[in-house]
């Protein structure tokens, strides 16, 4: 689980499962089932799209991790598979178009904060679905749209550090040894 599903997104799924265990008192058995739900979303992403930000931007790394975590939260909260898939879909829908703009070429900035936002977003997306939100675009179609839009991103916005935050003057001025 060290790369869940990728190195740049490694904090999302583990952070959410630890929060559910420690803060909400979920059991290890519930965590295993939640991780299975997250893994199911990951299998669908792998089959239909990619986890490579070089291909489709950050939306397929941290975005995918957020979708996986949203499904996990639904499962661990007593929801059903359809609800888990819908929570994953709306999580993905909220990261569409996310660029991969590594500051100084390192997987730290903005990845750390994007991991935190995806983890907290997983809870919001799960709450929306469990609260009755009717998601109009299913997970499979959302994943297809994510891949399509990601491929439309200019190459400079896909793990090159040639666009986005990587070009901000303060980002360029940072020491590589922070």
N, C-alpha and C. Protein backbone atom coordinates (compact mmCIF):
# COMPACT_ATOMS: atom_id res chain seq x y z
N UNK A 1 0.81 -1.19 0.00
CA UNK A 1 0.00 0.00 0.00
C UNK A 1 0.86 1.26 0.00
N UNK A 2 2.16 1.13 -0.18
CA UNK A 2 3.02 2.31 -0.16
C UNK A 2 2.73 3.24 -1.33
N UNK A 3 2.25 2.72 -2.43
CA UNK A 3 1.85 3.55 -3.56
C UNK A 3 0.38 3.23 -3.83
N UNK A 4 -0.49 4.06 -3.30
CA UNK A 4 -1.91 3.72 -3.30
C UNK A 4 -2.75 4.76 -4.02
N UNK A 5 -2.87 4.82 -5.30
CA UNK A 5 -2.38 3.88 -6.28
C UNK A 5 -1.01 4.24 -6.86
N UNK A 6 -0.50 5.44 -6.57
CA UNK A 6 0.79 5.86 -7.12
C UNK A 6 1.60 6.54 -6.02
N UNK A 7 2.88 6.75 -6.28
CA UNK A 7 3.72 7.43 -5.31
C UNK A 7 3.24 8.83 -4.98
N UNK A 8 2.83 9.57 -5.99
CA UNK A 8 2.36 10.93 -5.77
C UNK A 8 1.05 11.01 -5.02
N UNK A 9 0.32 9.90 -4.99
CA UNK A 9 -0.98 9.86 -4.32
C UNK A 9 -0.96 8.93 -3.11
N UNK A 10 0.22 8.62 -2.63
CA UNK A 10 0.37 7.59 -1.60
C UNK A 10 -0.27 7.92 -0.27
N UNK A 11 -0.62 9.16 -0.01
CA UNK A 11 -1.19 9.52 1.29
C UNK A 11 -2.69 9.45 1.38
N UNK A 12 -3.39 9.37 0.27
CA UNK A 12 -4.85 9.50 0.30
C UNK A 12 -5.52 8.29 0.93
N UNK A 13 -5.41 7.14 0.34
CA UNK A 13 -6.11 5.94 0.83
C UNK A 13 -5.63 5.58 2.24
N UNK A 14 -4.32 5.52 2.49
CA UNK A 14 -3.90 5.22 3.87
C UNK A 14 -4.38 6.26 4.88
N UNK A 15 -4.34 7.53 4.52
CA UNK A 15 -4.80 8.58 5.43
C UNK A 15 -6.26 8.44 5.77
N UNK A 16 -7.07 8.11 4.77
CA UNK A 16 -8.50 7.96 5.01
C UNK A 16 -8.79 6.73 5.86
N UNK A 17 -8.14 5.61 5.56
CA UNK A 17 -8.41 4.40 6.34
C UNK A 17 -7.96 4.58 7.79
N UNK A 18 -6.84 5.24 8.01
CA UNK A 18 -6.39 5.48 9.38
C UNK A 18 -7.37 6.41 10.10
N UNK A 19 -7.87 7.42 9.42
CA UNK A 19 -8.87 8.31 10.02
C UNK A 19 -10.12 7.55 10.43
N UNK A 20 -10.57 6.67 9.54
CA UNK A 20 -11.77 5.89 9.85
C UNK A 20 -11.54 4.94 11.03
N UNK A 21 -10.37 4.37 11.11
CA UNK A 21 -10.05 3.47 12.22
C UNK A 21 -9.90 4.23 13.53
N UNK A 22 -9.13 5.30 13.50
CA UNK A 22 -8.81 6.01 14.74
C UNK A 22 -9.87 7.00 15.18
N UNK A 23 -10.47 7.71 14.25
CA UNK A 23 -11.41 8.76 14.61
C UNK A 23 -12.86 8.28 14.69
N UNK A 24 -13.20 7.29 13.87
CA UNK A 24 -14.58 6.81 13.86
C UNK A 24 -14.73 5.42 14.46
N UNK A 25 -13.64 4.86 14.94
CA UNK A 25 -13.71 3.58 15.62
C UNK A 25 -14.09 2.40 14.75
N UNK A 26 -13.81 2.49 13.47
CA UNK A 26 -14.11 1.37 12.58
C UNK A 26 -13.20 0.20 12.91
N UNK A 27 -13.64 -1.01 12.60
CA UNK A 27 -12.88 -2.21 12.91
C UNK A 27 -11.91 -2.57 11.77
N UNK A 28 -10.98 -3.44 12.07
CA UNK A 28 -10.06 -3.90 11.03
C UNK A 28 -10.82 -4.65 9.93
N UNK A 29 -11.85 -5.39 10.29
CA UNK A 29 -12.66 -6.08 9.28
C UNK A 29 -13.34 -5.08 8.35
N UNK A 30 -13.86 -4.00 8.92
CA UNK A 30 -14.46 -2.95 8.09
C UNK A 30 -13.40 -2.31 7.20
N UNK A 31 -12.20 -2.15 7.73
CA UNK A 31 -11.12 -1.56 6.93
C UNK A 31 -10.75 -2.46 5.76
N UNK A 32 -10.71 -3.76 5.99
CA UNK A 32 -10.41 -4.70 4.90
C UNK A 32 -11.47 -4.60 3.81
N UNK A 33 -12.72 -4.56 4.21
CA UNK A 33 -13.80 -4.43 3.22
C UNK A 33 -13.73 -3.08 2.50
N UNK A 34 -13.38 -2.05 3.25
CA UNK A 34 -13.22 -0.73 2.63
C UNK A 34 -12.08 -0.70 1.63
N UNK A 35 -10.98 -1.34 1.98
CA UNK A 35 -9.85 -1.41 1.06
C UNK A 35 -10.20 -2.23 -0.18
N UNK A 36 -11.04 -3.23 -0.01
CA UNK A 36 -11.50 -4.00 -1.19
C UNK A 36 -12.34 -3.11 -2.10
N UNK A 37 -13.19 -2.27 -1.52
CA UNK A 37 -13.99 -1.34 -2.33
C UNK A 37 -13.08 -0.36 -3.06
N UNK A 38 -12.08 0.16 -2.35
CA UNK A 38 -11.12 1.07 -2.99
C UNK A 38 -10.39 0.36 -4.12
N UNK A 39 -9.99 -0.87 -3.86
CA UNK A 39 -9.27 -1.65 -4.87
C UNK A 39 -10.13 -1.93 -6.09
N UNK A 40 -11.43 -2.15 -5.87
CA UNK A 40 -12.33 -2.39 -7.00
C UNK A 40 -12.36 -1.17 -7.92
N UNK A 41 -12.41 0.01 -7.33
CA UNK A 41 -12.36 1.22 -8.15
C UNK A 41 -11.03 1.29 -8.88
N UNK A 42 -9.95 0.95 -8.20
CA UNK A 42 -8.63 0.95 -8.83
C UNK A 42 -8.54 -0.01 -10.00
N UNK A 43 -9.15 -1.17 -9.86
CA UNK A 43 -9.15 -2.15 -10.96
C UNK A 43 -9.88 -1.57 -12.17
N UNK A 44 -10.98 -0.89 -11.92
CA UNK A 44 -11.74 -0.29 -13.04
C UNK A 44 -10.92 0.81 -13.70
N UNK A 45 -10.27 1.64 -12.90
CA UNK A 45 -9.42 2.69 -13.46
C UNK A 45 -8.30 2.07 -14.30
N UNK A 46 -7.67 1.04 -13.78
CA UNK A 46 -6.57 0.39 -14.51
C UNK A 46 -7.06 -0.21 -15.83
N UNK A 47 -8.25 -0.76 -15.82
CA UNK A 47 -8.78 -1.40 -17.03
C UNK A 47 -9.25 -0.38 -18.06
N UNK A 48 -9.82 0.72 -17.61
CA UNK A 48 -10.44 1.69 -18.53
C UNK A 48 -9.53 2.86 -18.87
N UNK A 49 -8.56 3.15 -18.00
CA UNK A 49 -7.78 4.37 -18.18
C UNK A 49 -6.31 4.11 -17.84
N UNK A 50 -5.79 4.87 -16.90
CA UNK A 50 -4.37 4.80 -16.52
C UNK A 50 -4.20 5.44 -15.16
N UNK A 51 -3.10 5.15 -14.52
CA UNK A 51 -2.70 5.86 -13.31
C UNK A 51 -1.51 6.77 -13.60
N UNK A 52 -1.12 6.87 -14.85
CA UNK A 52 0.08 7.61 -15.23
C UNK A 52 -0.23 9.09 -15.48
N UNK A 53 0.30 9.94 -14.61
CA UNK A 53 0.13 11.38 -14.79
C UNK A 53 0.81 11.84 -16.08
N UNK A 54 1.81 11.10 -16.53
CA UNK A 54 2.48 11.43 -17.80
C UNK A 54 1.50 11.33 -18.97
N UNK A 55 0.46 10.53 -18.80
CA UNK A 55 -0.54 10.33 -19.84
C UNK A 55 -1.73 11.26 -19.67
N UNK A 56 -2.19 11.46 -18.42
CA UNK A 56 -3.45 12.17 -18.22
C UNK A 56 -3.46 13.14 -17.05
N UNK A 57 -2.31 13.54 -16.56
CA UNK A 57 -2.27 14.54 -15.50
C UNK A 57 -2.53 13.99 -14.11
N UNK A 58 -2.58 14.89 -13.17
CA UNK A 58 -2.75 14.52 -11.76
C UNK A 58 -4.11 13.91 -11.48
N UNK A 59 -5.07 14.19 -12.31
CA UNK A 59 -6.41 13.63 -12.08
C UNK A 59 -6.41 12.11 -12.06
N UNK A 60 -5.46 11.46 -12.72
CA UNK A 60 -5.41 9.99 -12.71
C UNK A 60 -4.50 9.46 -11.61
N UNK A 61 -3.83 10.32 -10.90
CA UNK A 61 -3.04 9.89 -9.75
C UNK A 61 -3.80 10.25 -8.48
N UNK A 62 -3.71 11.49 -8.06
CA UNK A 62 -4.39 11.88 -6.83
C UNK A 62 -5.91 11.84 -7.03
N UNK A 63 -6.37 12.16 -8.22
CA UNK A 63 -7.81 12.05 -8.49
C UNK A 63 -8.31 10.63 -8.34
N UNK A 64 -7.56 9.67 -8.86
CA UNK A 64 -7.94 8.26 -8.73
C UNK A 64 -7.89 7.82 -7.28
N UNK A 65 -6.88 8.27 -6.55
CA UNK A 65 -6.78 7.91 -5.13
C UNK A 65 -7.98 8.47 -4.36
N UNK A 66 -8.38 9.68 -4.68
CA UNK A 66 -9.55 10.26 -4.03
C UNK A 66 -10.81 9.48 -4.33
N UNK A 67 -10.95 9.05 -5.57
CA UNK A 67 -12.11 8.24 -5.96
C UNK A 67 -12.11 6.91 -5.22
N UNK A 68 -10.95 6.30 -5.14
CA UNK A 68 -10.82 5.03 -4.41
C UNK A 68 -11.18 5.23 -2.94
N UNK A 69 -10.68 6.31 -2.36
CA UNK A 69 -10.96 6.58 -0.95
C UNK A 69 -12.43 6.87 -0.70
N UNK A 70 -13.08 7.57 -1.63
CA UNK A 70 -14.51 7.85 -1.48
C UNK A 70 -15.31 6.55 -1.45
N UNK A 71 -14.97 5.62 -2.31
CA UNK A 71 -15.65 4.32 -2.31
C UNK A 71 -15.40 3.60 -0.99
N UNK A 72 -14.19 3.71 -0.47
CA UNK A 72 -13.85 3.08 0.79
C UNK A 72 -14.67 3.67 1.94
N UNK A 73 -14.83 4.98 1.97
CA UNK A 73 -15.61 5.62 3.03
C UNK A 73 -17.05 5.14 2.98
N UNK A 74 -17.62 5.06 1.78
CA UNK A 74 -19.00 4.58 1.66
C UNK A 74 -19.12 3.15 2.19
N UNK A 75 -18.22 2.29 1.77
CA UNK A 75 -18.25 0.89 2.22
C UNK A 75 -18.12 0.81 3.74
N UNK A 76 -17.19 1.55 4.30
CA UNK A 76 -16.97 1.48 5.74
C UNK A 76 -18.07 2.18 6.54
N UNK A 77 -18.93 2.92 5.85
CA UNK A 77 -20.05 3.60 6.50
C UNK A 77 -21.36 2.85 6.31
N UNK A 78 -21.28 1.67 5.70
CA UNK A 78 -22.48 0.85 5.55
C UNK A 78 -23.22 1.04 4.24
N UNK A 79 -22.64 1.77 3.32
CA UNK A 79 -23.29 1.95 2.02
C UNK A 79 -23.14 0.72 1.14
N UNK A 80 -23.79 0.77 -0.01
CA UNK A 80 -23.73 -0.36 -0.94
C UNK A 80 -22.76 -0.08 -2.09
N UNK A 81 -22.57 -1.07 -2.94
CA UNK A 81 -21.61 -0.96 -4.04
C UNK A 81 -21.98 0.15 -5.02
N UNK A 82 -23.25 0.31 -5.30
CA UNK A 82 -23.69 1.38 -6.21
C UNK A 82 -23.35 2.74 -5.62
N UNK A 83 -23.58 2.90 -4.34
CA UNK A 83 -23.25 4.17 -3.68
C UNK A 83 -21.74 4.40 -3.68
N UNK A 84 -20.97 3.35 -3.46
CA UNK A 84 -19.51 3.49 -3.47
C UNK A 84 -19.03 3.94 -4.85
N UNK A 85 -19.59 3.34 -5.90
CA UNK A 85 -19.21 3.72 -7.27
C UNK A 85 -19.61 5.17 -7.55
N UNK A 86 -20.76 5.59 -7.07
CA UNK A 86 -21.19 6.96 -7.30
C UNK A 86 -20.34 7.96 -6.52
N UNK A 87 -19.95 7.62 -5.31
CA UNK A 87 -19.05 8.50 -4.56
C UNK A 87 -17.71 8.62 -5.28
N UNK A 88 -17.21 7.50 -5.80
CA UNK A 88 -15.97 7.53 -6.56
C UNK A 88 -16.12 8.40 -7.80
N UNK A 89 -17.25 8.28 -8.47
CA UNK A 89 -17.49 9.07 -9.69
C UNK A 89 -17.48 10.56 -9.39
N UNK A 90 -18.20 10.99 -8.35
CA UNK A 90 -18.24 12.44 -8.10
C UNK A 90 -16.90 12.95 -7.58
N UNK A 91 -16.15 12.09 -6.91
CA UNK A 91 -14.81 12.50 -6.51
C UNK A 91 -13.96 12.77 -7.75
N UNK A 92 -13.99 11.85 -8.70
CA UNK A 92 -13.27 12.03 -9.96
C UNK A 92 -13.76 13.26 -10.72
N UNK A 93 -15.06 13.47 -10.73
CA UNK A 93 -15.63 14.60 -11.47
C UNK A 93 -15.11 15.93 -10.93
N UNK A 94 -14.71 15.95 -9.68
CA UNK A 94 -14.21 17.18 -9.08
C UNK A 94 -12.71 17.37 -9.23
N UNK A 95 -12.04 16.42 -9.86
CA UNK A 95 -10.61 16.58 -10.12
C UNK A 95 -10.30 16.60 -11.61
N UNK A 96 -11.32 16.58 -12.44
CA UNK A 96 -11.09 16.56 -13.89
C UNK A 96 -10.27 17.78 -14.32
N UNK A 97 -9.30 17.53 -15.15
CA UNK A 97 -8.45 18.59 -15.68
C UNK A 97 -7.27 18.94 -14.79
N UNK A 98 -7.08 18.22 -13.70
CA UNK A 98 -5.99 18.53 -12.78
C UNK A 98 -4.63 18.23 -13.42
N UNK A 99 -3.80 19.25 -13.45
CA UNK A 99 -2.48 19.11 -14.07
C UNK A 99 -1.50 18.48 -13.09
N UNK A 100 -0.43 17.96 -13.60
CA UNK A 100 0.67 17.44 -12.78
C UNK A 100 1.83 18.40 -12.98
N UNK A 101 2.00 19.29 -12.02
CA UNK A 101 2.95 20.40 -12.15
C UNK A 101 3.94 20.41 -10.98
N UNK A 102 4.77 19.39 -10.95
CA UNK A 102 5.71 19.20 -9.85
C UNK A 102 6.66 20.38 -9.71
N UNK A 103 6.64 20.99 -8.55
CA UNK A 103 7.55 22.10 -8.26
C UNK A 103 8.95 21.53 -8.07
N UNK A 104 9.90 22.10 -8.78
CA UNK A 104 11.29 21.65 -8.75
C UNK A 104 11.43 20.19 -9.19
N UNK A 105 10.44 19.69 -9.91
CA UNK A 105 10.49 18.32 -10.42
C UNK A 105 10.36 17.25 -9.36
N UNK A 106 9.94 17.64 -8.16
CA UNK A 106 9.87 16.68 -7.06
C UNK A 106 8.42 16.43 -6.66
N UNK A 107 8.15 15.22 -6.29
CA UNK A 107 6.80 14.80 -5.92
C UNK A 107 6.51 15.20 -4.47
N UNK A 108 6.48 16.50 -4.22
CA UNK A 108 6.17 17.02 -2.90
C UNK A 108 5.17 18.17 -3.00
N UNK A 109 5.54 19.16 -3.78
CA UNK A 109 4.69 20.34 -3.95
C UNK A 109 4.18 20.32 -5.37
N UNK A 110 2.93 20.30 -5.60
CA UNK A 110 1.79 20.44 -4.70
C UNK A 110 1.18 19.11 -4.23
N UNK A 111 1.88 18.02 -4.42
CA UNK A 111 1.29 16.69 -4.15
C UNK A 111 0.83 16.51 -2.71
N UNK A 112 1.62 16.98 -1.75
CA UNK A 112 1.24 16.78 -0.34
C UNK A 112 -0.12 17.40 -0.05
N UNK A 113 -0.31 18.63 -0.47
CA UNK A 113 -1.58 19.29 -0.17
C UNK A 113 -2.72 18.72 -1.01
N UNK A 114 -2.42 18.27 -2.21
CA UNK A 114 -3.46 17.64 -3.03
C UNK A 114 -3.89 16.31 -2.43
N UNK A 115 -2.96 15.59 -1.82
CA UNK A 115 -3.31 14.36 -1.11
C UNK A 115 -4.29 14.68 0.02
N UNK A 116 -4.00 15.70 0.79
CA UNK A 116 -4.87 16.08 1.91
C UNK A 116 -6.25 16.50 1.40
N UNK A 117 -6.29 17.27 0.33
CA UNK A 117 -7.57 17.71 -0.22
C UNK A 117 -8.37 16.52 -0.76
N UNK A 118 -7.70 15.58 -1.40
CA UNK A 118 -8.39 14.40 -1.92
C UNK A 118 -8.93 13.53 -0.78
N UNK A 119 -8.15 13.42 0.29
CA UNK A 119 -8.60 12.63 1.45
C UNK A 119 -9.83 13.26 2.08
N UNK A 120 -9.80 14.56 2.30
CA UNK A 120 -10.97 15.21 2.89
C UNK A 120 -12.14 15.19 1.92
N UNK A 121 -11.86 15.33 0.64
CA UNK A 121 -12.92 15.28 -0.37
C UNK A 121 -13.59 13.92 -0.43
N UNK A 122 -12.85 12.86 -0.13
CA UNK A 122 -13.44 11.52 -0.13
C UNK A 122 -14.59 11.44 0.87
N UNK A 123 -14.41 12.07 2.02
CA UNK A 123 -15.47 12.08 3.03
C UNK A 123 -16.67 12.90 2.55
N UNK A 124 -16.41 14.04 1.92
CA UNK A 124 -17.49 14.89 1.40
C UNK A 124 -18.29 14.14 0.33
N UNK A 125 -17.59 13.51 -0.61
CA UNK A 125 -18.27 12.78 -1.69
C UNK A 125 -19.09 11.62 -1.14
N UNK A 126 -18.53 10.90 -0.17
CA UNK A 126 -19.28 9.80 0.46
C UNK A 126 -20.52 10.35 1.16
N UNK A 127 -20.36 11.45 1.90
CA UNK A 127 -21.51 12.04 2.59
C UNK A 127 -22.59 12.50 1.62
N UNK A 128 -22.19 13.06 0.50
CA UNK A 128 -23.17 13.49 -0.51
C UNK A 128 -24.01 12.31 -0.98
N UNK A 129 -23.34 11.22 -1.34
CA UNK A 129 -24.05 10.05 -1.84
C UNK A 129 -24.89 9.41 -0.74
N UNK A 130 -24.31 9.21 0.43
CA UNK A 130 -25.05 8.59 1.54
C UNK A 130 -26.21 9.48 2.00
N UNK A 131 -26.09 10.78 1.74
CA UNK A 131 -27.16 11.72 2.09
C UNK A 131 -28.25 11.82 1.05
N UNK A 132 -28.09 11.10 -0.07
CA UNK A 132 -29.16 11.07 -1.06
C UNK A 132 -28.89 11.75 -2.38
N UNK A 133 -27.70 12.32 -2.58
CA UNK A 133 -27.39 12.94 -3.87
C UNK A 133 -27.49 11.90 -4.97
N UNK A 134 -28.13 12.26 -6.06
CA UNK A 134 -28.31 11.36 -7.20
C UNK A 134 -27.30 11.74 -8.27
N UNK A 135 -26.23 10.98 -8.37
CA UNK A 135 -25.17 11.25 -9.34
C UNK A 135 -25.64 10.89 -10.75
N UNK A 136 -25.64 11.84 -11.69
CA UNK A 136 -26.16 11.56 -13.02
C UNK A 136 -25.18 10.88 -13.99
N UNK A 137 -23.88 10.94 -13.71
CA UNK A 137 -22.89 10.36 -14.62
C UNK A 137 -22.17 9.23 -13.89
N UNK A 138 -22.34 7.99 -14.34
CA UNK A 138 -21.76 6.85 -13.62
C UNK A 138 -20.23 6.79 -13.70
N UNK A 139 -19.69 5.95 -12.84
CA UNK A 139 -18.23 5.84 -12.70
C UNK A 139 -17.54 5.48 -14.00
N UNK A 140 -18.04 4.50 -14.74
CA UNK A 140 -17.34 4.10 -15.97
C UNK A 140 -17.27 5.25 -16.97
N UNK A 141 -18.36 5.98 -17.14
CA UNK A 141 -18.36 7.12 -18.07
C UNK A 141 -17.46 8.24 -17.55
N UNK A 142 -17.44 8.42 -16.24
CA UNK A 142 -16.58 9.44 -15.65
C UNK A 142 -15.11 9.10 -15.89
N UNK A 143 -14.74 7.85 -15.68
CA UNK A 143 -13.35 7.44 -15.92
C UNK A 143 -12.98 7.65 -17.38
N UNK A 144 -13.87 7.32 -18.30
CA UNK A 144 -13.60 7.55 -19.72
C UNK A 144 -13.38 9.04 -19.99
N UNK A 145 -14.21 9.89 -19.38
CA UNK A 145 -14.08 11.34 -19.57
C UNK A 145 -12.78 11.86 -18.96
N UNK A 146 -12.41 11.33 -17.81
CA UNK A 146 -11.16 11.73 -17.17
C UNK A 146 -9.97 11.41 -18.08
N UNK A 147 -9.94 10.21 -18.61
CA UNK A 147 -8.84 9.84 -19.51
C UNK A 147 -8.83 10.72 -20.76
N UNK A 148 -9.99 10.93 -21.34
CA UNK A 148 -10.08 11.75 -22.55
C UNK A 148 -9.60 13.18 -22.29
N UNK A 149 -10.09 13.78 -21.21
CA UNK A 149 -9.68 15.16 -20.93
C UNK A 149 -8.20 15.22 -20.54
N UNK A 150 -7.72 14.20 -19.85
CA UNK A 150 -6.31 14.17 -19.48
C UNK A 150 -5.39 14.11 -20.67
N UNK A 151 -5.79 13.34 -21.68
CA UNK A 151 -4.98 13.26 -22.90
C UNK A 151 -4.97 14.56 -23.67
N UNK A 152 -5.96 15.42 -23.42
CA UNK A 152 -6.03 16.72 -24.09
C UNK A 152 -5.14 17.76 -23.42
N UNK A 153 -4.69 17.47 -22.20
CA UNK A 153 -3.79 18.41 -21.53
C UNK A 153 -2.51 18.55 -22.35
N UNK A 154 -2.00 19.75 -22.46
CA UNK A 154 -0.73 19.91 -23.16
C UNK A 154 0.37 19.12 -22.44
N UNK A 155 1.34 18.62 -23.17
CA UNK A 155 2.42 17.85 -22.53
C UNK A 155 3.11 18.59 -21.39
N UNK A 156 3.18 19.91 -21.48
CA UNK A 156 3.83 20.71 -20.44
C UNK A 156 3.13 20.57 -19.08
N UNK A 157 1.89 20.12 -19.09
CA UNK A 157 1.11 20.01 -17.85
C UNK A 157 1.01 18.57 -17.35
N UNK A 158 1.89 17.74 -17.85
CA UNK A 158 1.88 16.32 -17.46
C UNK A 158 3.29 15.89 -17.03
N UNK A 159 3.63 16.13 -15.78
CA UNK A 159 4.85 15.67 -15.12
C UNK A 159 6.14 16.20 -15.75
N UNK A 160 6.11 17.39 -16.28
CA UNK A 160 7.32 17.94 -16.87
C UNK A 160 7.92 19.08 -16.06
N UNK A 161 7.17 19.63 -15.16
CA UNK A 161 7.57 20.83 -14.40
C UNK A 161 7.78 22.01 -15.35
N UNK A 162 7.10 21.99 -16.48
CA UNK A 162 7.19 23.08 -17.46
C UNK A 162 5.93 23.92 -17.52
N UNK A 163 5.04 23.75 -16.54
CA UNK A 163 3.80 24.52 -16.52
C UNK A 163 3.20 24.54 -15.13
N UNK A 164 2.08 25.23 -15.01
CA UNK A 164 1.36 25.29 -13.74
C UNK A 164 2.18 25.92 -12.63
N UNK A 165 2.02 25.40 -11.41
CA UNK A 165 2.73 25.94 -10.25
C UNK A 165 4.24 25.86 -10.39
N UNK A 166 4.73 24.93 -11.15
CA UNK A 166 6.18 24.77 -11.31
C UNK A 166 6.84 26.02 -11.87
N UNK A 167 6.08 26.84 -12.59
CA UNK A 167 6.65 28.06 -13.18
C UNK A 167 6.44 29.31 -12.35
N UNK A 168 5.74 29.18 -11.22
CA UNK A 168 5.56 30.35 -10.36
C UNK A 168 6.93 30.80 -9.85
N UNK A 169 7.18 32.12 -9.82
CA UNK A 169 8.50 32.61 -9.38
C UNK A 169 8.92 32.05 -8.02
N UNK A 170 8.01 31.99 -7.07
CA UNK A 170 8.38 31.48 -5.75
C UNK A 170 8.71 30.00 -5.80
N UNK A 171 8.04 29.26 -6.66
CA UNK A 171 8.32 27.83 -6.80
C UNK A 171 9.69 27.63 -7.42
N UNK A 172 10.01 28.43 -8.42
CA UNK A 172 11.31 28.32 -9.06
C UNK A 172 12.46 28.73 -8.15
N UNK A 173 12.17 29.61 -7.18
CA UNK A 173 13.19 30.09 -6.27
C UNK A 173 13.46 29.14 -5.09
N UNK A 174 12.60 28.16 -4.90
CA UNK A 174 12.78 27.22 -3.79
C UNK A 174 14.06 26.42 -3.94
N UNK A 175 14.65 26.13 -2.81
CA UNK A 175 15.82 25.24 -2.79
C UNK A 175 15.33 23.81 -2.97
N UNK A 176 16.04 23.02 -3.73
CA UNK A 176 15.65 21.60 -3.92
C UNK A 176 15.82 20.82 -2.63
N UNK A 177 16.57 21.35 -1.69
CA UNK A 177 16.82 20.64 -0.42
C UNK A 177 16.01 21.27 0.70
N UNK A 178 14.72 21.26 0.58
CA UNK A 178 13.86 21.84 1.61
C UNK A 178 13.80 20.97 2.82
